């Protein structure tokens, strides 16, 4: 579901440009308002919709998901720290639901603590040795079955 920017609501803050993981949101050089340069390349993560506190970005649904007469609205309420979704089906039925905003402030996520070296050889290790601060780790290869 590609996005569409209402330039009348947009203040040109650039949050949607900064957050787009596929670098599809760009500023129009004439009016300094963002737009989706390649809607068909949109990853549909909706980060731009969720980050916009002016509700200037709309989700444009595909015909199979949002056929004639249907609509999707996404609203962000920073005071309540929630994202509200409103889906209007073409038969008029409306479904509304909400989710908490779980974004962490920049720099608030801590690095993993150094693990016990014995655990570094575990197949369940979630981080690479250089990330958790242990250098030059020699991980033994898996034992081979010996045919008789």
N, C-alpha and C. Protein backbone atom coordinates (compact mmCIF):
# COMPACT_ATOMS: atom_id res chain seq x y z
N UNK A 1 0.83 -1.16 0.00
CA UNK A 1 0.00 0.00 0.00
C UNK A 1 0.89 1.24 0.00
N UNK A 2 1.14 1.81 -1.14
CA UNK A 2 2.01 2.98 -1.20
C UNK A 2 1.40 4.18 -0.47
N UNK A 3 2.25 5.14 -0.20
CA UNK A 3 1.82 6.31 0.55
C UNK A 3 1.67 7.52 -0.36
N UNK A 4 0.87 8.46 0.11
CA UNK A 4 0.61 9.70 -0.61
C UNK A 4 0.66 10.84 0.39
N UNK A 5 1.33 11.93 0.06
CA UNK A 5 1.49 13.06 0.97
C UNK A 5 0.53 14.18 0.60
N UNK A 6 -0.25 14.64 1.57
CA UNK A 6 -1.09 15.82 1.41
C UNK A 6 -0.22 17.03 1.75
N UNK A 7 0.19 17.76 0.72
CA UNK A 7 1.11 18.88 0.94
C UNK A 7 0.46 20.00 1.74
N UNK A 8 -0.87 20.09 1.73
CA UNK A 8 -1.53 21.15 2.50
C UNK A 8 -1.42 20.91 4.01
N UNK A 9 -1.28 19.66 4.42
CA UNK A 9 -1.13 19.33 5.84
C UNK A 9 0.33 19.27 6.27
N UNK A 10 1.22 19.05 5.33
CA UNK A 10 2.63 18.83 5.62
C UNK A 10 3.33 20.15 5.97
N UNK A 11 4.20 20.09 6.98
CA UNK A 11 4.99 21.26 7.37
C UNK A 11 6.44 21.15 6.89
N UNK A 12 6.78 20.06 6.22
CA UNK A 12 8.13 19.89 5.68
C UNK A 12 9.19 19.59 6.71
N UNK A 13 8.82 18.91 7.79
CA UNK A 13 9.78 18.62 8.87
C UNK A 13 10.84 17.61 8.43
N UNK A 14 10.50 16.71 7.51
CA UNK A 14 11.47 15.74 7.01
C UNK A 14 11.55 14.45 7.78
N UNK A 15 10.71 14.26 8.79
CA UNK A 15 10.75 13.01 9.56
C UNK A 15 10.48 11.80 8.67
N UNK A 16 9.54 11.93 7.73
CA UNK A 16 9.21 10.81 6.85
C UNK A 16 10.37 10.49 5.90
N UNK A 17 11.10 11.51 5.48
CA UNK A 17 12.26 11.32 4.61
C UNK A 17 13.35 10.59 5.37
N UNK A 18 13.56 10.98 6.62
CA UNK A 18 14.61 10.36 7.43
C UNK A 18 14.32 8.91 7.79
N UNK A 19 13.06 8.56 7.98
CA UNK A 19 12.73 7.24 8.51
C UNK A 19 12.50 6.18 7.43
N UNK A 20 12.33 6.57 6.18
CA UNK A 20 12.03 5.61 5.11
C UNK A 20 13.22 4.66 4.89
N UNK A 21 13.04 3.35 5.15
CA UNK A 21 14.16 2.41 5.03
C UNK A 21 14.57 2.14 3.58
N UNK A 22 13.69 2.44 2.63
CA UNK A 22 14.00 2.19 1.22
C UNK A 22 14.37 3.48 0.50
N UNK A 23 14.50 4.58 1.24
CA UNK A 23 14.87 5.89 0.70
C UNK A 23 13.95 6.31 -0.44
N UNK A 24 12.65 6.12 -0.26
CA UNK A 24 11.68 6.49 -1.29
C UNK A 24 11.06 7.86 -1.06
N UNK A 25 11.08 8.33 0.16
CA UNK A 25 10.51 9.64 0.44
C UNK A 25 11.59 10.70 0.19
N UNK A 26 11.30 11.62 -0.73
CA UNK A 26 12.23 12.69 -1.10
C UNK A 26 11.52 14.03 -1.04
N UNK A 27 12.29 15.10 -0.91
CA UNK A 27 11.71 16.44 -0.92
C UNK A 27 11.58 16.93 -2.34
N UNK A 28 10.44 17.54 -2.64
CA UNK A 28 10.24 18.24 -3.90
C UNK A 28 11.03 19.55 -3.80
N UNK A 29 11.96 19.81 -4.70
CA UNK A 29 12.79 21.00 -4.56
C UNK A 29 12.01 22.31 -4.72
N UNK A 30 10.85 22.27 -5.36
CA UNK A 30 10.08 23.50 -5.59
C UNK A 30 9.33 23.95 -4.33
N UNK A 31 8.69 22.99 -3.65
CA UNK A 31 7.86 23.39 -2.50
C UNK A 31 8.37 22.85 -1.16
N UNK A 32 9.48 22.13 -1.16
CA UNK A 32 10.09 21.55 0.06
C UNK A 32 9.12 20.67 0.81
N UNK A 33 8.31 19.93 0.06
CA UNK A 33 7.38 18.96 0.65
C UNK A 33 7.78 17.57 0.16
N UNK A 34 7.65 16.55 1.01
CA UNK A 34 8.06 15.21 0.61
C UNK A 34 7.05 14.55 -0.31
N UNK A 35 7.54 13.57 -1.05
CA UNK A 35 6.67 12.73 -1.88
C UNK A 35 7.35 11.38 -2.06
N UNK A 36 6.55 10.38 -2.39
CA UNK A 36 7.06 9.03 -2.60
C UNK A 36 7.51 8.95 -4.05
N UNK A 37 8.83 8.82 -4.27
CA UNK A 37 9.36 8.86 -5.64
C UNK A 37 9.05 7.60 -6.44
N UNK A 38 8.78 6.49 -5.76
CA UNK A 38 8.53 5.23 -6.47
C UNK A 38 7.52 4.40 -5.67
N UNK A 39 6.22 4.73 -5.79
CA UNK A 39 5.21 4.03 -4.98
C UNK A 39 5.23 2.51 -5.13
N UNK A 40 5.55 2.01 -6.32
CA UNK A 40 5.55 0.55 -6.50
C UNK A 40 6.73 -0.11 -5.79
N UNK A 41 7.72 0.66 -5.38
CA UNK A 41 8.85 0.12 -4.64
C UNK A 41 8.68 0.21 -3.13
N UNK A 42 7.55 0.72 -2.69
CA UNK A 42 7.30 0.91 -1.26
C UNK A 42 7.28 -0.44 -0.55
N UNK A 43 7.99 -0.51 0.59
CA UNK A 43 8.06 -1.74 1.38
C UNK A 43 6.81 -1.94 2.23
N UNK A 44 5.96 -0.92 2.28
CA UNK A 44 4.72 -0.97 3.05
C UNK A 44 4.98 -1.13 4.54
N UNK A 45 6.08 -0.57 5.01
CA UNK A 45 6.36 -0.60 6.45
C UNK A 45 5.53 0.43 7.19
N UNK A 46 5.07 1.45 6.49
CA UNK A 46 4.24 2.54 7.01
C UNK A 46 4.94 3.35 8.10
N UNK A 47 6.27 3.32 8.14
CA UNK A 47 7.00 4.14 9.09
C UNK A 47 6.71 5.62 8.88
N UNK A 48 6.63 6.04 7.62
CA UNK A 48 6.38 7.45 7.33
C UNK A 48 5.01 7.88 7.83
N UNK A 49 4.03 7.01 7.70
CA UNK A 49 2.67 7.32 8.17
C UNK A 49 2.66 7.44 9.68
N UNK A 50 3.35 6.53 10.35
CA UNK A 50 3.35 6.53 11.81
C UNK A 50 4.16 7.67 12.40
N UNK A 51 5.21 8.12 11.70
CA UNK A 51 6.04 9.18 12.24
C UNK A 51 5.44 10.57 12.02
N UNK A 52 4.54 10.70 11.07
CA UNK A 52 3.97 12.01 10.74
C UNK A 52 2.95 12.42 11.79
N UNK A 53 3.27 13.49 12.53
CA UNK A 53 2.35 13.93 13.56
C UNK A 53 1.31 14.92 13.04
N UNK A 54 1.32 15.20 11.74
CA UNK A 54 0.34 16.08 11.12
C UNK A 54 -0.71 15.31 10.32
N UNK A 55 -0.62 13.98 10.31
CA UNK A 55 -1.51 13.11 9.50
C UNK A 55 -1.52 13.55 8.04
N UNK A 56 -0.35 13.90 7.54
CA UNK A 56 -0.24 14.38 6.16
C UNK A 56 0.02 13.26 5.17
N UNK A 57 0.29 12.05 5.65
CA UNK A 57 0.58 10.94 4.75
C UNK A 57 -0.55 9.93 4.84
N UNK A 58 -1.06 9.58 3.68
CA UNK A 58 -2.18 8.65 3.60
C UNK A 58 -1.73 7.35 2.95
N UNK A 59 -2.35 6.28 3.36
CA UNK A 59 -2.09 4.98 2.77
C UNK A 59 -3.02 4.82 1.57
N UNK A 60 -2.44 4.54 0.44
CA UNK A 60 -3.24 4.28 -0.76
C UNK A 60 -3.26 2.78 -0.98
N UNK A 61 -4.38 2.18 -0.72
CA UNK A 61 -4.48 0.73 -0.81
C UNK A 61 -4.57 0.23 -2.23
N UNK A 62 -4.19 -1.03 -2.41
CA UNK A 62 -4.32 -1.68 -3.70
C UNK A 62 -5.77 -2.12 -3.91
N UNK A 63 -6.15 -2.32 -5.15
CA UNK A 63 -7.54 -2.64 -5.47
C UNK A 63 -8.01 -3.94 -4.83
N UNK A 64 -7.11 -4.92 -4.65
CA UNK A 64 -7.54 -6.18 -4.06
C UNK A 64 -7.76 -6.07 -2.55
N UNK A 65 -7.06 -5.14 -1.91
CA UNK A 65 -7.19 -4.97 -0.46
C UNK A 65 -8.17 -3.85 -0.11
N UNK A 66 -8.10 -2.77 -0.84
CA UNK A 66 -8.97 -1.62 -0.59
C UNK A 66 -9.73 -1.30 -1.87
N UNK A 67 -10.68 -2.15 -2.23
CA UNK A 67 -11.41 -1.91 -3.48
C UNK A 67 -12.33 -0.70 -3.38
N UNK A 68 -12.93 -0.37 -4.49
CA UNK A 68 -13.76 0.83 -4.64
C UNK A 68 -14.57 1.18 -3.41
N UNK A 69 -14.39 2.39 -2.93
CA UNK A 69 -15.18 2.89 -1.82
C UNK A 69 -14.60 2.62 -0.45
N UNK A 70 -13.54 1.87 -0.36
CA UNK A 70 -12.93 1.56 0.93
C UNK A 70 -11.84 2.58 1.24
N UNK A 71 -11.43 2.63 2.50
CA UNK A 71 -10.40 3.58 2.89
C UNK A 71 -9.65 3.08 4.12
N UNK A 72 -8.41 3.54 4.26
CA UNK A 72 -7.60 3.24 5.44
C UNK A 72 -7.08 4.57 5.97
N UNK A 73 -7.28 4.80 7.26
CA UNK A 73 -6.75 5.99 7.91
C UNK A 73 -5.86 5.56 9.06
N UNK A 74 -4.73 6.25 9.20
CA UNK A 74 -3.82 5.99 10.29
C UNK A 74 -3.59 7.30 11.01
N UNK A 75 -3.83 7.31 12.32
CA UNK A 75 -3.63 8.52 13.11
C UNK A 75 -2.66 8.23 14.25
N UNK A 76 -1.81 9.17 14.54
CA UNK A 76 -0.80 9.02 15.59
C UNK A 76 -1.13 10.00 16.70
N UNK A 77 -1.22 9.50 17.90
CA UNK A 77 -1.51 10.33 19.06
C UNK A 77 -0.31 10.24 20.01
N UNK A 78 0.54 11.27 19.98
CA UNK A 78 1.75 11.24 20.81
C UNK A 78 1.45 11.41 22.28
N UNK A 79 0.37 12.10 22.62
CA UNK A 79 0.02 12.29 24.03
C UNK A 79 -0.32 10.97 24.68
N UNK A 80 -1.05 10.13 23.97
CA UNK A 80 -1.42 8.81 24.51
C UNK A 80 -0.44 7.73 24.07
N UNK A 81 0.54 8.10 23.22
CA UNK A 81 1.56 7.17 22.74
C UNK A 81 0.93 5.97 22.02
N UNK A 82 0.01 6.27 21.09
CA UNK A 82 -0.74 5.23 20.38
C UNK A 82 -0.80 5.56 18.89
N UNK A 83 -0.96 4.50 18.08
CA UNK A 83 -1.26 4.62 16.66
C UNK A 83 -2.64 4.01 16.46
N UNK A 84 -3.55 4.77 15.85
CA UNK A 84 -4.93 4.32 15.63
C UNK A 84 -5.15 4.04 14.16
N UNK A 85 -5.73 2.89 13.87
CA UNK A 85 -6.05 2.49 12.51
C UNK A 85 -7.57 2.46 12.37
N UNK A 86 -8.05 2.94 11.22
CA UNK A 86 -9.48 2.92 10.92
C UNK A 86 -9.62 2.40 9.49
N UNK A 87 -10.28 1.26 9.35
CA UNK A 87 -10.49 0.66 8.03
C UNK A 87 -11.98 0.73 7.72
N UNK A 88 -12.29 1.32 6.59
CA UNK A 88 -13.67 1.39 6.12
C UNK A 88 -13.79 0.46 4.92
N UNK A 89 -14.60 -0.57 5.07
CA UNK A 89 -14.82 -1.51 3.97
C UNK A 89 -15.81 -0.92 2.98
N UNK A 90 -15.84 -1.42 1.77
CA UNK A 90 -16.73 -0.83 0.76
C UNK A 90 -18.20 -1.06 1.05
N UNK A 91 -18.53 -2.00 1.94
CA UNK A 91 -19.93 -2.17 2.32
C UNK A 91 -20.33 -1.23 3.45
N UNK A 92 -19.41 -0.35 3.87
CA UNK A 92 -19.70 0.63 4.91
C UNK A 92 -19.26 0.23 6.30
N UNK A 93 -18.93 -1.03 6.50
CA UNK A 93 -18.48 -1.50 7.82
C UNK A 93 -17.15 -0.83 8.18
N UNK A 94 -17.03 -0.43 9.42
CA UNK A 94 -15.82 0.24 9.88
C UNK A 94 -15.19 -0.58 11.00
N UNK A 95 -13.89 -0.78 10.89
CA UNK A 95 -13.14 -1.49 11.92
C UNK A 95 -12.05 -0.55 12.41
N UNK A 96 -11.95 -0.39 13.72
CA UNK A 96 -10.94 0.46 14.31
C UNK A 96 -10.13 -0.33 15.33
N UNK A 97 -8.84 -0.12 15.33
CA UNK A 97 -7.98 -0.76 16.33
C UNK A 97 -6.77 0.13 16.58
N UNK A 98 -6.08 -0.13 17.66
CA UNK A 98 -4.95 0.71 18.03
C UNK A 98 -3.80 -0.13 18.55
N UNK A 99 -2.61 0.45 18.48
CA UNK A 99 -1.40 -0.18 18.98
C UNK A 99 -0.56 0.86 19.70
N UNK A 100 0.16 0.47 20.72
CA UNK A 100 1.06 1.42 21.37
C UNK A 100 2.27 1.72 20.48
N UNK A 101 2.77 2.93 20.58
CA UNK A 101 4.01 3.29 19.89
C UNK A 101 5.14 2.73 20.74
N UNK A 102 5.96 1.87 20.15
CA UNK A 102 7.02 1.21 20.91
C UNK A 102 8.40 1.69 20.51
N UNK A 103 8.48 2.83 19.86
CA UNK A 103 9.76 3.34 19.43
C UNK A 103 10.59 3.76 20.63
N UNK A 104 11.84 3.36 20.64
CA UNK A 104 12.76 3.72 21.71
C UNK A 104 13.50 5.00 21.31
N UNK A 105 13.80 5.87 22.27
CA UNK A 105 14.57 7.08 21.95
C UNK A 105 15.95 6.72 21.42
N UNK A 106 16.49 7.58 20.53
CA UNK A 106 17.81 7.36 19.97
C UNK A 106 18.83 7.24 21.10
N UNK A 107 19.68 6.22 21.01
CA UNK A 107 20.75 6.03 21.97
C UNK A 107 20.34 5.33 23.25
N UNK A 108 19.07 4.95 23.38
CA UNK A 108 18.62 4.34 24.63
C UNK A 108 18.82 2.83 24.68
N UNK A 109 19.08 2.20 23.55
CA UNK A 109 19.25 0.76 23.52
C UNK A 109 20.70 0.42 23.86
N UNK A 110 20.89 -0.41 24.86
CA UNK A 110 22.22 -0.77 25.33
C UNK A 110 22.79 -1.93 24.52
N UNK A 111 24.11 -1.94 24.37
CA UNK A 111 24.79 -3.05 23.71
C UNK A 111 24.63 -4.30 24.55
N UNK A 112 24.68 -5.48 23.92
CA UNK A 112 24.63 -6.70 24.70
C UNK A 112 25.85 -6.81 25.60
N UNK A 113 25.68 -7.39 26.77
CA UNK A 113 26.80 -7.58 27.68
C UNK A 113 27.68 -8.71 27.17
N UNK A 114 28.94 -8.66 27.52
CA UNK A 114 29.86 -9.72 27.12
C UNK A 114 29.40 -11.05 27.72
N UNK A 115 29.42 -12.06 26.90
CA UNK A 115 28.97 -13.37 27.34
C UNK A 115 30.13 -14.19 27.88
N UNK A 116 29.79 -15.25 28.56
CA UNK A 116 30.78 -16.20 29.04
C UNK A 116 31.42 -16.85 27.81
N UNK A 117 32.76 -16.88 27.71
CA UNK A 117 33.41 -17.46 26.53
C UNK A 117 32.95 -18.88 26.21
N UNK A 118 32.58 -19.65 27.22
CA UNK A 118 32.10 -21.00 26.95
C UNK A 118 30.78 -20.98 26.19
N UNK A 119 29.98 -19.95 26.44
CA UNK A 119 28.69 -19.85 25.76
C UNK A 119 28.84 -19.39 24.31
N UNK A 120 29.99 -18.80 23.98
CA UNK A 120 30.18 -18.29 22.63
C UNK A 120 30.21 -19.40 21.59
N UNK A 121 30.46 -20.61 22.00
CA UNK A 121 30.47 -21.72 21.07
C UNK A 121 29.10 -22.36 20.92
N UNK A 122 28.12 -21.80 21.58
CA UNK A 122 26.77 -22.34 21.52
C UNK A 122 26.13 -22.03 20.17
N UNK A 123 25.36 -22.97 19.68
CA UNK A 123 24.63 -22.74 18.42
C UNK A 123 23.49 -21.76 18.61
N UNK A 124 23.17 -21.42 19.85
CA UNK A 124 22.07 -20.50 20.14
C UNK A 124 22.54 -19.06 20.33
N UNK A 125 23.79 -18.79 20.02
CA UNK A 125 24.34 -17.45 20.19
C UNK A 125 23.58 -16.46 19.31
N UNK A 126 23.15 -15.37 19.91
CA UNK A 126 22.35 -14.43 19.15
C UNK A 126 23.16 -13.31 18.54
N UNK A 127 24.37 -13.07 18.99
CA UNK A 127 25.20 -11.99 18.46
C UNK A 127 26.55 -12.53 18.00
N UNK A 128 27.13 -11.82 17.08
CA UNK A 128 28.46 -12.19 16.62
C UNK A 128 29.49 -11.81 17.68
N UNK A 129 30.60 -12.53 17.77
CA UNK A 129 31.61 -12.24 18.80
C UNK A 129 32.14 -10.81 18.78
N UNK A 130 32.33 -10.21 17.59
CA UNK A 130 32.87 -8.86 17.55
C UNK A 130 31.87 -7.84 18.08
N UNK A 131 30.59 -8.12 17.96
CA UNK A 131 29.57 -7.20 18.48
C UNK A 131 29.55 -7.23 20.00
N UNK A 132 29.75 -8.40 20.58
CA UNK A 132 29.69 -8.48 22.04
C UNK A 132 31.05 -8.29 22.69
N UNK A 133 32.05 -7.93 21.90
CA UNK A 133 33.31 -7.49 22.47
C UNK A 133 34.36 -8.56 22.68
N UNK A 134 34.28 -9.68 22.01
CA UNK A 134 35.29 -10.72 22.15
C UNK A 134 35.93 -10.93 20.78
N UNK A 135 37.24 -10.70 20.73
CA UNK A 135 37.94 -10.77 19.45
C UNK A 135 38.67 -12.11 19.30
N UNK A 136 38.96 -12.44 18.04
CA UNK A 136 39.75 -13.63 17.70
C UNK A 136 39.20 -14.92 18.31
N UNK A 137 37.92 -15.10 18.21
CA UNK A 137 37.31 -16.32 18.73
C UNK A 137 37.41 -17.40 17.66
N UNK A 138 37.93 -18.52 18.02
CA UNK A 138 38.01 -19.66 17.12
C UNK A 138 36.85 -20.60 17.46
N UNK A 139 35.88 -20.65 16.58
CA UNK A 139 34.74 -21.52 16.81
C UNK A 139 35.02 -22.83 16.10
N UNK A 140 34.99 -23.93 16.84
CA UNK A 140 35.29 -25.22 16.22
C UNK A 140 34.20 -25.59 15.22
N UNK A 141 34.62 -26.29 14.18
CA UNK A 141 33.64 -26.75 13.19
C UNK A 141 32.82 -27.90 13.75
N UNK A 142 31.69 -28.14 13.15
CA UNK A 142 30.82 -29.23 13.62
C UNK A 142 31.51 -30.58 13.41
N UNK A 143 31.35 -31.51 14.36
CA UNK A 143 31.99 -32.82 14.18
C UNK A 143 31.39 -33.55 12.98
N UNK A 144 32.25 -34.24 12.27
CA UNK A 144 31.81 -34.99 11.08
C UNK A 144 31.51 -36.41 11.48
N UNK A 145 30.55 -36.97 10.78
CA UNK A 145 30.24 -38.40 11.03
C UNK A 145 31.26 -39.24 10.27
N UNK A 146 31.74 -40.25 10.92
CA UNK A 146 32.73 -41.13 10.31
C UNK A 146 31.99 -42.37 9.81
N UNK A 147 32.15 -42.61 8.53
CA UNK A 147 31.49 -43.81 7.99
C UNK A 147 32.39 -45.03 8.22
N UNK A 148 31.77 -46.15 8.52
CA UNK A 148 32.53 -47.38 8.81
C UNK A 148 32.53 -48.31 7.64
